[in-house]
């Protein structure tokens, strides 16, 4: 089974600053909900993964699908409340900056937040190492998923 952390992209702006908004609802039947938190609560690790995937999708699109963003570090993250399976979540990310570190690599920084309606669920700052993958057309590989 292939797991998707983004159900739908609501908006994507690649200008300056670049930002994205996506929606996600975790299903009550997800295997991820069989852990210690139980089936009535979405684990914070899944919320963090939603933040990471949202920012990663933004970075991937900002580089025109030429570099693969790999989560490098989460220097800041906070969780304000828990959510239940089935709750509609909105995740947003804004690209803060990009620094080239080599000819085929850069570090990108994004800020993100997850909301349930108007309630802040989580927020964080994420760093990605963005690399070219020789021999693979990332745009085609991304479209196949």
N, C-alpha and C. Protein backbone atom coordinates (compact mmCIF):
# COMPACT_ATOMS: atom_id res chain seq x y z
N UNK A 1 0.84 -1.18 0.00
CA UNK A 1 0.00 0.00 0.00
C UNK A 1 0.88 1.24 0.00
N UNK A 2 0.50 2.22 -0.76
CA UNK A 2 1.23 3.47 -0.82
C UNK A 2 0.51 4.52 0.01
N UNK A 3 1.22 5.13 0.94
CA UNK A 3 0.60 6.09 1.85
C UNK A 3 0.76 7.50 1.30
N UNK A 4 -0.28 8.27 1.35
CA UNK A 4 -0.25 9.66 0.88
C UNK A 4 -0.50 10.59 2.05
N UNK A 5 0.41 11.55 2.20
CA UNK A 5 0.27 12.51 3.28
C UNK A 5 -0.44 13.77 2.84
N UNK A 6 -0.72 13.90 1.57
CA UNK A 6 -1.44 15.06 1.07
C UNK A 6 -2.63 14.54 0.28
N UNK A 7 -3.84 14.92 0.69
CA UNK A 7 -5.03 14.51 -0.05
C UNK A 7 -5.24 15.39 -1.28
N UNK A 8 -5.00 16.71 -1.09
CA UNK A 8 -5.26 17.64 -2.19
C UNK A 8 -4.49 18.93 -1.97
N UNK A 9 -3.93 19.46 -3.05
CA UNK A 9 -3.29 20.78 -3.01
C UNK A 9 -4.38 21.82 -3.25
N UNK A 10 -4.56 22.72 -2.30
CA UNK A 10 -5.59 23.76 -2.39
C UNK A 10 -5.05 24.97 -3.14
N UNK A 11 -3.83 25.38 -2.80
CA UNK A 11 -3.21 26.51 -3.50
C UNK A 11 -1.70 26.33 -3.52
N UNK A 12 -1.09 26.87 -4.56
CA UNK A 12 0.35 26.81 -4.74
C UNK A 12 0.78 28.09 -5.42
N UNK A 13 1.65 28.83 -4.78
CA UNK A 13 2.19 30.08 -5.33
C UNK A 13 3.70 29.96 -5.31
N UNK A 14 4.33 30.03 -6.49
CA UNK A 14 5.77 29.85 -6.58
C UNK A 14 6.53 31.17 -6.67
N UNK A 15 5.83 32.28 -6.42
CA UNK A 15 6.48 33.59 -6.44
C UNK A 15 7.36 33.78 -5.22
N UNK A 16 7.54 35.02 -4.84
CA UNK A 16 8.40 35.33 -3.70
C UNK A 16 7.59 36.06 -2.64
N UNK A 17 7.23 35.44 -1.55
CA UNK A 17 7.64 34.10 -1.13
C UNK A 17 6.73 33.01 -1.70
N UNK A 18 7.32 31.86 -1.90
CA UNK A 18 6.54 30.71 -2.37
C UNK A 18 5.77 30.13 -1.19
N UNK A 19 4.53 29.71 -1.45
CA UNK A 19 3.75 29.09 -0.38
C UNK A 19 2.77 28.08 -0.97
N UNK A 20 2.31 27.19 -0.10
CA UNK A 20 1.41 26.11 -0.50
C UNK A 20 0.41 25.87 0.63
N UNK A 21 -0.77 25.43 0.26
CA UNK A 21 -1.75 24.96 1.23
C UNK A 21 -2.31 23.64 0.73
N UNK A 22 -2.37 22.65 1.61
CA UNK A 22 -2.90 21.33 1.26
C UNK A 22 -3.93 20.94 2.31
N UNK A 23 -4.70 19.92 2.00
CA UNK A 23 -5.64 19.36 2.98
C UNK A 23 -5.36 17.87 3.16
N UNK A 24 -5.68 17.39 4.36
CA UNK A 24 -5.47 15.99 4.69
C UNK A 24 -6.44 15.60 5.80
N UNK A 25 -6.99 14.41 5.68
CA UNK A 25 -7.77 13.82 6.77
C UNK A 25 -7.24 12.40 6.94
N UNK A 26 -6.83 12.06 8.14
CA UNK A 26 -6.33 10.72 8.43
C UNK A 26 -7.51 9.81 8.70
N UNK A 27 -7.56 8.71 8.02
CA UNK A 27 -8.66 7.76 8.13
C UNK A 27 -8.56 6.98 9.44
N UNK A 28 -9.70 6.71 10.04
CA UNK A 28 -9.73 5.95 11.30
C UNK A 28 -9.14 4.55 11.13
N UNK A 29 -9.15 4.02 9.93
CA UNK A 29 -8.62 2.69 9.67
C UNK A 29 -7.14 2.64 9.34
N UNK A 30 -6.46 3.79 9.37
CA UNK A 30 -5.03 3.83 9.04
C UNK A 30 -4.22 2.95 9.99
N UNK A 31 -3.27 2.21 9.43
CA UNK A 31 -2.36 1.42 10.26
C UNK A 31 -1.59 2.30 11.23
N UNK A 32 -1.32 3.55 10.82
CA UNK A 32 -0.55 4.47 11.67
C UNK A 32 -1.27 4.78 12.98
N UNK A 33 -2.54 4.53 13.04
CA UNK A 33 -3.31 4.83 14.25
C UNK A 33 -3.43 3.62 15.18
N UNK A 34 -2.63 2.60 14.94
CA UNK A 34 -2.69 1.40 15.78
C UNK A 34 -1.60 1.42 16.85
N UNK A 35 -0.88 2.52 16.98
CA UNK A 35 0.22 2.62 17.94
C UNK A 35 -0.23 2.99 19.33
N UNK A 36 0.71 3.46 20.15
CA UNK A 36 0.43 3.75 21.55
C UNK A 36 -0.65 4.82 21.77
N UNK A 37 -0.79 5.76 20.82
CA UNK A 37 -1.81 6.81 20.99
C UNK A 37 -3.22 6.27 20.80
N UNK A 38 -3.33 5.09 20.18
CA UNK A 38 -4.63 4.47 19.98
C UNK A 38 -5.35 5.00 18.76
N UNK A 39 -6.49 4.42 18.42
CA UNK A 39 -7.20 4.76 17.19
C UNK A 39 -8.01 6.06 17.26
N UNK A 40 -8.06 6.70 18.42
CA UNK A 40 -8.87 7.91 18.55
C UNK A 40 -8.06 9.19 18.47
N UNK A 41 -6.76 9.06 18.21
CA UNK A 41 -5.90 10.25 18.18
C UNK A 41 -4.85 10.07 17.09
N UNK A 42 -4.67 11.10 16.26
CA UNK A 42 -3.62 11.08 15.25
C UNK A 42 -2.30 11.38 15.97
N UNK A 43 -1.31 10.50 15.86
CA UNK A 43 -0.04 10.73 16.55
C UNK A 43 0.66 12.00 16.05
N UNK A 44 1.39 12.66 16.96
CA UNK A 44 2.13 13.86 16.58
C UNK A 44 3.14 13.57 15.47
N UNK A 45 3.66 12.35 15.43
CA UNK A 45 4.61 11.99 14.37
C UNK A 45 3.96 12.09 12.99
N UNK A 46 2.68 11.77 12.90
CA UNK A 46 1.97 11.87 11.63
C UNK A 46 1.71 13.33 11.27
N UNK A 47 1.45 14.16 12.28
CA UNK A 47 1.26 15.59 12.04
C UNK A 47 2.58 16.20 11.57
N UNK A 48 3.69 15.80 12.19
CA UNK A 48 5.00 16.28 11.78
C UNK A 48 5.30 15.84 10.35
N UNK A 49 4.95 14.62 10.01
CA UNK A 49 5.16 14.13 8.64
C UNK A 49 4.32 14.93 7.65
N UNK A 50 3.11 15.30 8.03
CA UNK A 50 2.29 16.15 7.17
C UNK A 50 2.97 17.50 6.94
N UNK A 51 3.53 18.09 8.00
CA UNK A 51 4.28 19.34 7.86
C UNK A 51 5.46 19.16 6.91
N UNK A 52 6.21 18.07 7.11
CA UNK A 52 7.40 17.82 6.29
C UNK A 52 7.04 17.59 4.82
N UNK A 53 5.98 16.83 4.58
CA UNK A 53 5.58 16.56 3.19
C UNK A 53 5.06 17.82 2.51
N UNK A 54 4.37 18.66 3.26
CA UNK A 54 3.84 19.90 2.69
C UNK A 54 4.99 20.81 2.28
N UNK A 55 5.94 21.01 3.18
CA UNK A 55 7.11 21.83 2.85
C UNK A 55 7.93 21.21 1.74
N UNK A 56 8.10 19.91 1.77
CA UNK A 56 8.86 19.22 0.72
C UNK A 56 8.21 19.35 -0.64
N UNK A 57 6.90 19.27 -0.69
CA UNK A 57 6.19 19.44 -1.96
C UNK A 57 6.40 20.85 -2.50
N UNK A 58 6.36 21.84 -1.61
CA UNK A 58 6.60 23.22 -2.02
C UNK A 58 8.00 23.39 -2.58
N UNK A 59 8.99 22.87 -1.89
CA UNK A 59 10.38 22.99 -2.33
C UNK A 59 10.57 22.27 -3.67
N UNK A 60 10.01 21.08 -3.80
CA UNK A 60 10.12 20.31 -5.04
C UNK A 60 9.57 21.12 -6.22
N UNK A 61 8.42 21.71 -6.03
CA UNK A 61 7.80 22.50 -7.10
C UNK A 61 8.58 23.78 -7.37
N UNK A 62 9.12 24.39 -6.32
CA UNK A 62 9.89 25.64 -6.48
C UNK A 62 11.15 25.39 -7.32
N UNK A 63 11.75 24.20 -7.19
CA UNK A 63 12.92 23.84 -8.00
C UNK A 63 12.51 23.24 -9.35
N UNK A 64 11.26 23.41 -9.73
CA UNK A 64 10.75 22.91 -11.02
C UNK A 64 10.99 21.42 -11.19
N UNK A 65 10.87 20.67 -10.12
CA UNK A 65 11.00 19.21 -10.12
C UNK A 65 12.38 18.75 -10.59
N UNK A 66 13.40 19.57 -10.32
CA UNK A 66 14.76 19.19 -10.72
C UNK A 66 15.61 18.72 -9.55
N UNK A 67 15.14 18.94 -8.33
CA UNK A 67 15.88 18.51 -7.15
C UNK A 67 14.94 17.81 -6.18
N UNK A 68 15.48 16.80 -5.52
CA UNK A 68 14.71 16.03 -4.56
C UNK A 68 14.94 16.61 -3.16
N UNK A 69 13.88 17.09 -2.49
CA UNK A 69 14.06 17.62 -1.14
C UNK A 69 14.05 16.48 -0.10
N UNK A 70 15.10 16.41 0.67
CA UNK A 70 15.23 15.42 1.73
C UNK A 70 15.18 16.16 3.06
N UNK A 71 14.30 15.76 3.95
CA UNK A 71 14.20 16.43 5.24
C UNK A 71 15.52 16.28 5.97
N UNK A 72 16.13 17.40 6.29
CA UNK A 72 17.44 17.42 6.93
C UNK A 72 17.33 17.60 8.44
N UNK A 73 16.45 18.52 8.84
CA UNK A 73 16.38 18.87 10.25
C UNK A 73 15.07 19.60 10.54
N UNK A 74 14.57 19.43 11.74
CA UNK A 74 13.41 20.19 12.22
C UNK A 74 13.90 20.98 13.44
N UNK A 75 14.42 22.20 13.20
CA UNK A 75 14.97 22.96 14.32
C UNK A 75 13.92 23.44 15.32
N UNK A 76 12.69 23.59 14.86
CA UNK A 76 11.61 24.03 15.75
C UNK A 76 10.34 23.28 15.39
N UNK A 77 9.65 22.80 16.40
CA UNK A 77 8.32 22.21 16.20
C UNK A 77 7.57 22.30 17.51
N UNK A 78 6.30 22.64 17.40
CA UNK A 78 5.46 22.65 18.59
C UNK A 78 4.08 22.10 18.21
N UNK A 79 3.50 21.42 19.17
CA UNK A 79 2.19 20.81 18.98
C UNK A 79 1.25 21.44 20.00
N UNK A 80 0.18 22.02 19.50
CA UNK A 80 -0.73 22.78 20.35
C UNK A 80 -1.93 21.96 20.84
N UNK A 81 -2.37 21.02 20.03
CA UNK A 81 -3.52 20.20 20.41
C UNK A 81 -3.52 18.92 19.60
N UNK A 82 -4.35 18.00 19.98
CA UNK A 82 -4.45 16.73 19.24
C UNK A 82 -5.64 16.77 18.30
N UNK A 83 -5.63 15.86 17.34
CA UNK A 83 -6.75 15.75 16.40
C UNK A 83 -7.20 14.30 16.33
N UNK A 84 -8.42 14.13 15.93
CA UNK A 84 -9.00 12.79 15.80
C UNK A 84 -8.98 12.36 14.33
N UNK A 85 -8.97 11.07 14.09
CA UNK A 85 -9.10 10.59 12.72
C UNK A 85 -10.37 11.14 12.08
N UNK A 86 -10.27 11.50 10.82
CA UNK A 86 -11.41 12.04 10.09
C UNK A 86 -11.48 13.55 10.13
N UNK A 87 -10.78 14.19 11.08
CA UNK A 87 -10.77 15.66 11.14
C UNK A 87 -10.09 16.22 9.89
N UNK A 88 -10.72 17.21 9.28
CA UNK A 88 -10.14 17.87 8.11
C UNK A 88 -9.04 18.81 8.59
N UNK A 89 -7.85 18.61 8.06
CA UNK A 89 -6.69 19.43 8.42
C UNK A 89 -6.22 20.22 7.21
N UNK A 90 -5.77 21.43 7.46
CA UNK A 90 -5.13 22.25 6.43
C UNK A 90 -3.68 22.41 6.84
N UNK A 91 -2.78 22.16 5.93
CA UNK A 91 -1.35 22.36 6.19
C UNK A 91 -0.85 23.42 5.22
N UNK A 92 -0.07 24.35 5.76
CA UNK A 92 0.48 25.44 4.96
C UNK A 92 1.98 25.49 5.17
N UNK A 93 2.68 25.88 4.12
CA UNK A 93 4.13 26.07 4.22
C UNK A 93 4.52 27.27 3.39
N UNK A 94 5.52 27.99 3.87
CA UNK A 94 6.09 29.13 3.17
C UNK A 94 7.59 28.92 3.08
N UNK A 95 8.14 29.12 1.90
CA UNK A 95 9.58 29.00 1.70
C UNK A 95 10.25 30.26 2.23
N UNK A 96 11.15 30.09 3.19
CA UNK A 96 11.83 31.23 3.80
C UNK A 96 13.11 31.57 3.06
N UNK A 97 13.85 30.56 2.61
CA UNK A 97 15.09 30.84 1.91
C UNK A 97 15.72 29.58 1.35
N UNK A 98 16.64 29.80 0.40
CA UNK A 98 17.38 28.72 -0.23
C UNK A 98 18.84 29.16 -0.31
N UNK A 99 19.74 28.25 0.06
CA UNK A 99 21.18 28.52 -0.02
C UNK A 99 21.85 27.40 -0.79
N UNK A 100 22.57 27.74 -1.85
CA UNK A 100 23.34 26.73 -2.57
C UNK A 100 24.51 26.29 -1.71
N UNK A 101 24.74 24.99 -1.64
CA UNK A 101 25.87 24.45 -0.88
C UNK A 101 26.86 23.72 -1.77
N UNK A 102 26.47 23.42 -3.00
CA UNK A 102 27.32 22.78 -4.00
C UNK A 102 26.64 22.97 -5.35
N UNK A 103 27.31 22.54 -6.41
CA UNK A 103 26.76 22.72 -7.76
C UNK A 103 25.40 22.04 -7.91
N UNK A 104 25.22 20.89 -7.29
CA UNK A 104 23.98 20.14 -7.43
C UNK A 104 23.21 19.99 -6.13
N UNK A 105 23.48 20.87 -5.17
CA UNK A 105 22.79 20.75 -3.88
C UNK A 105 22.52 22.12 -3.27
N UNK A 106 21.41 22.19 -2.57
CA UNK A 106 21.03 23.42 -1.86
C UNK A 106 20.33 23.03 -0.58
N UNK A 107 20.28 23.98 0.35
CA UNK A 107 19.50 23.81 1.56
C UNK A 107 18.35 24.80 1.50
N UNK A 108 17.14 24.29 1.72
CA UNK A 108 15.94 25.14 1.71
C UNK A 108 15.34 25.13 3.10
N UNK A 109 14.81 26.29 3.50
CA UNK A 109 14.16 26.42 4.80
C UNK A 109 12.71 26.82 4.59
N UNK A 110 11.82 26.17 5.31
CA UNK A 110 10.39 26.47 5.22
C UNK A 110 9.79 26.56 6.61
N UNK A 111 8.75 27.34 6.72
CA UNK A 111 7.93 27.39 7.94
C UNK A 111 6.58 26.78 7.58
N UNK A 112 6.03 26.03 8.51
CA UNK A 112 4.75 25.41 8.23
C UNK A 112 3.85 25.39 9.44
N UNK A 113 2.58 25.16 9.16
CA UNK A 113 1.60 25.03 10.23
C UNK A 113 0.50 24.09 9.77
N UNK A 114 -0.11 23.43 10.75
CA UNK A 114 -1.26 22.57 10.50
C UNK A 114 -2.40 23.13 11.33
N UNK A 115 -3.56 23.28 10.68
CA UNK A 115 -4.74 23.82 11.36
C UNK A 115 -5.93 22.90 11.19
N UNK A 116 -6.77 22.89 12.20
CA UNK A 116 -8.08 22.24 12.11
C UNK A 116 -9.08 23.38 12.24
N UNK A 117 -9.63 23.79 11.11
CA UNK A 117 -10.44 25.00 11.09
C UNK A 117 -9.54 26.18 11.42
N UNK A 118 -9.91 26.95 12.43
CA UNK A 118 -9.10 28.11 12.85
C UNK A 118 -8.14 27.76 13.99
N UNK A 119 -8.15 26.50 14.44
CA UNK A 119 -7.32 26.09 15.58
C UNK A 119 -5.96 25.59 15.11
N UNK A 120 -4.90 26.19 15.67
CA UNK A 120 -3.55 25.75 15.36
C UNK A 120 -3.29 24.41 16.02
N UNK A 121 -2.90 23.43 15.22
CA UNK A 121 -2.59 22.09 15.72
C UNK A 121 -1.09 21.97 15.95
N UNK A 122 -0.30 22.43 14.98
CA UNK A 122 1.16 22.32 15.07
C UNK A 122 1.79 23.36 14.17
N UNK A 123 3.04 23.69 14.49
CA UNK A 123 3.81 24.62 13.67
C UNK A 123 5.28 24.25 13.78
N UNK A 124 6.05 24.61 12.75
CA UNK A 124 7.46 24.28 12.80
C UNK A 124 8.26 24.94 11.71
N UNK A 125 9.56 24.81 11.87
CA UNK A 125 10.53 25.27 10.87
C UNK A 125 11.29 24.04 10.42
N UNK A 126 11.44 23.87 9.11
CA UNK A 126 12.03 22.66 8.57
C UNK A 126 13.14 23.00 7.58
N UNK A 127 14.19 22.20 7.58
CA UNK A 127 15.29 22.36 6.64
C UNK A 127 15.36 21.13 5.75
N UNK A 128 15.59 21.37 4.46
CA UNK A 128 15.67 20.30 3.47
C UNK A 128 16.99 20.39 2.73
N UNK A 129 17.61 19.25 2.48
CA UNK A 129 18.74 19.17 1.57
C UNK A 129 18.14 18.81 0.22
N UNK A 130 18.39 19.65 -0.78
CA UNK A 130 17.79 19.48 -2.10
C UNK A 130 18.87 19.07 -3.09
N UNK A 131 18.76 17.87 -3.62
CA UNK A 131 19.81 17.31 -4.47
C UNK A 131 19.26 16.89 -5.83
N UNK A 132 20.13 16.96 -6.80
CA UNK A 132 19.81 16.39 -8.12
C UNK A 132 20.07 14.89 -8.04
N UNK A 133 19.27 14.13 -8.77
CA UNK A 133 19.43 12.68 -8.79
C UNK A 133 19.82 12.30 -10.22
N UNK A 134 21.11 12.03 -10.45
CA UNK A 134 21.56 11.71 -11.82
C UNK A 134 20.83 10.50 -12.40
N UNK A 135 20.43 10.66 -13.64
CA UNK A 135 19.79 9.56 -14.34
C UNK A 135 18.30 9.39 -14.10
N UNK A 136 17.72 10.23 -13.27
CA UNK A 136 16.28 10.13 -12.97
C UNK A 136 15.61 11.47 -13.27
N UNK A 137 14.57 11.40 -14.08
CA UNK A 137 13.77 12.61 -14.34
C UNK A 137 12.74 12.71 -13.21
N UNK A 138 13.01 13.58 -12.26
CA UNK A 138 12.14 13.69 -11.08
C UNK A 138 10.73 14.13 -11.44
N UNK A 139 10.59 14.94 -12.49
CA UNK A 139 9.25 15.39 -12.90
C UNK A 139 8.41 14.20 -13.34
N UNK A 140 8.99 13.28 -14.07
CA UNK A 140 8.27 12.09 -14.52
C UNK A 140 8.01 11.15 -13.34
N UNK A 141 9.03 10.95 -12.49
CA UNK A 141 8.88 10.08 -11.32
C UNK A 141 7.81 10.63 -10.39
N UNK A 142 7.77 11.94 -10.19
CA UNK A 142 6.76 12.57 -9.32
C UNK A 142 5.37 12.46 -9.90
N UNK A 143 5.24 12.57 -11.21
CA UNK A 143 3.93 12.49 -11.86
C UNK A 143 3.37 11.07 -11.81
N UNK A 144 4.25 10.08 -11.75
CA UNK A 144 3.81 8.68 -11.71
C UNK A 144 3.20 8.33 -10.37
N UNK A 145 3.52 9.12 -9.31
CA UNK A 145 3.03 8.79 -7.96
C UNK A 145 1.69 9.33 -7.74
